[in-house]
Amino acid sequence: MATDPQTLYHRAGGSPFFEALVGRFYDGVETDPLLRPVYPEPDLAGARHRLTLFLIQYWGGPTTYDQERGHPRLRMRHAPFAIGAEERDAAELERYFTMAAEAMRNRG
């Protein structure tokens, strides 16, 4: 399948970038007392794999996630897990990006 070379997937470096990003995220999850209980399986390899494929597809890469898992149906897939405001807010990445983007803004 041909993918658009202008997608974030390609600009970020393709699969190796997303594999490293997700790997660093789950390295933190492994030892986080709030987030680790959200993942009931003892080995996070499956979760790492699924998130990597999801992000690759979401940001314009190959559609392997859909081929392996079907439509993401994120809310349905995460319904069995206790995810409240604390768990949501424990992922600080969005906050950082918002703050950094605002700091760079120099017009209007």
Protein backbone atom coordinates (compact mmCIF):
# COMPACT_ATOMS: atom_id res chain seq x y z
CA MET A 1 0.00 0.00 0.00
CA ALA A 2 1.39 3.41 -0.95
CA THR A 3 1.31 6.02 1.79
CA ASP A 4 1.63 9.80 1.53
CA PRO A 5 5.26 10.88 2.13
CA GLN A 6 3.98 14.14 3.64
CA THR A 7 2.23 12.50 6.58
CA LEU A 8 3.46 12.95 10.12
CA TYR A 9 4.27 9.23 10.05
CA HIS A 10 6.90 9.82 7.36
CA ARG A 11 8.14 13.17 8.64
CA ALA A 12 8.71 11.69 12.11
CA GLY A 13 10.80 8.82 10.77
CA GLY A 14 8.28 6.06 10.14
CA SER A 15 7.82 2.94 12.21
CA PRO A 16 11.13 3.21 14.15
CA PHE A 17 10.05 6.56 15.60
CA PHE A 18 6.66 5.26 16.77
CA GLU A 19 8.17 2.04 18.13
CA ALA A 20 10.64 4.07 20.21
CA LEU A 21 7.96 6.53 21.35
CA VAL A 22 5.61 3.79 22.49
CA GLY A 23 8.50 1.88 24.03
CA ARG A 24 9.43 4.87 26.19
CA PHE A 25 5.79 5.37 27.17
CA TYR A 26 5.36 1.78 28.30
CA ASP A 27 8.73 1.80 30.08
CA GLY A 28 7.13 4.47 32.26
CA VAL A 29 3.84 2.61 32.59
CA GLU A 30 5.71 -0.48 33.87
CA THR A 31 6.65 1.33 37.09
CA ASP A 32 3.80 3.83 37.43
CA PRO A 33 1.58 2.97 40.42
CA LEU A 34 -1.43 4.73 38.88
CA LEU A 35 -1.16 3.55 35.26
CA ARG A 36 0.19 0.01 35.63
CA PRO A 37 -3.08 -1.34 37.13
CA VAL A 38 -4.92 -0.20 33.98
CA TYR A 39 -3.03 -2.97 32.14
CA PRO A 40 -4.04 -6.31 33.69
CA GLU A 41 -1.74 -8.49 31.59
CA PRO A 42 1.62 -9.28 33.23
CA ASP A 43 3.54 -8.60 30.00
CA LEU A 44 2.92 -5.29 28.22
CA ALA A 45 4.25 -6.52 24.86
CA GLY A 46 0.74 -6.84 23.40
CA ALA A 47 -0.25 -3.36 24.55
CA ARG A 48 2.99 -1.93 23.13
CA HIS A 49 2.33 -3.63 19.79
CA ARG A 50 -1.29 -2.46 19.56
CA LEU A 51 -0.53 1.17 20.45
CA THR A 52 2.40 1.26 18.05
CA LEU A 53 0.23 0.02 15.17
CA PHE A 54 -2.59 2.39 16.12
CA LEU A 55 -0.34 5.47 16.18
CA ILE A 56 1.38 4.46 12.94
CA GLN A 57 -1.99 4.17 11.21
CA TYR A 58 -3.46 7.29 12.84
CA TRP A 59 -0.56 9.45 11.71
CA GLY A 60 -0.63 8.27 8.08
CA GLY A 61 1.38 5.05 7.98
CA PRO A 62 0.37 1.55 6.96
CA THR A 63 -3.08 0.33 8.04
CA THR A 64 -1.78 -2.78 9.79
CA TYR A 65 -3.81 -1.96 12.91
CA ASP A 66 -7.08 -2.21 10.95
CA GLN A 67 -5.88 -5.41 9.26
CA GLU A 68 -5.06 -7.04 12.61
CA ARG A 69 -7.74 -5.58 14.88
CA GLY A 70 -10.43 -3.93 12.76
CA HIS A 71 -11.81 -0.48 13.51
CA PRO A 72 -10.12 1.00 16.60
CA ARG A 73 -13.37 1.48 18.59
CA LEU A 74 -11.25 3.05 21.31
CA ARG A 75 -14.02 3.70 23.81
CA MET A 76 -15.41 0.18 23.49
CA ARG A 77 -11.98 -1.47 23.75
CA HIS A 78 -11.10 0.51 26.88
CA ALA A 79 -14.49 0.19 28.62
CA PRO A 80 -13.41 -2.75 30.82
CA PHE A 81 -10.57 -0.73 32.36
CA ALA A 82 -10.91 1.82 35.15
CA ILE A 83 -9.83 5.06 33.51
CA GLY A 84 -10.77 8.20 35.38
CA ALA A 85 -9.52 11.78 35.41
CA GLU A 86 -6.39 10.80 37.37
CA GLU A 87 -5.41 8.13 34.86
CA ARG A 88 -6.16 10.45 31.94
CA ASP A 89 -4.09 13.26 33.41
CA ALA A 90 -1.15 11.00 34.25
CA ALA A 91 -0.17 11.12 30.56
CA GLU A 92 1.49 14.55 30.57
CA LEU A 93 2.50 14.63 26.92
CA GLU A 94 -0.47 16.67 25.70
CA ARG A 95 0.02 19.25 28.43
CA TYR A 96 3.65 19.66 27.44
CA PHE A 97 2.87 20.02 23.73
CA THR A 98 0.17 22.60 24.45
CA MET A 99 2.53 24.58 26.69
CA ALA A 100 5.43 24.33 24.22
CA ALA A 101 3.28 25.33 21.26
CA GLU A 102 1.95 28.33 23.18
CA ALA A 103 5.50 29.35 24.14
CA MET A 104 6.51 29.37 20.47
CA ARG A 105 3.55 31.48 19.38
CA ASN A 106 4.58 35.02 18.49
CA ARG A 107 1.51 36.30 16.65
CA GLY A 108 -2.09 36.94 17.63
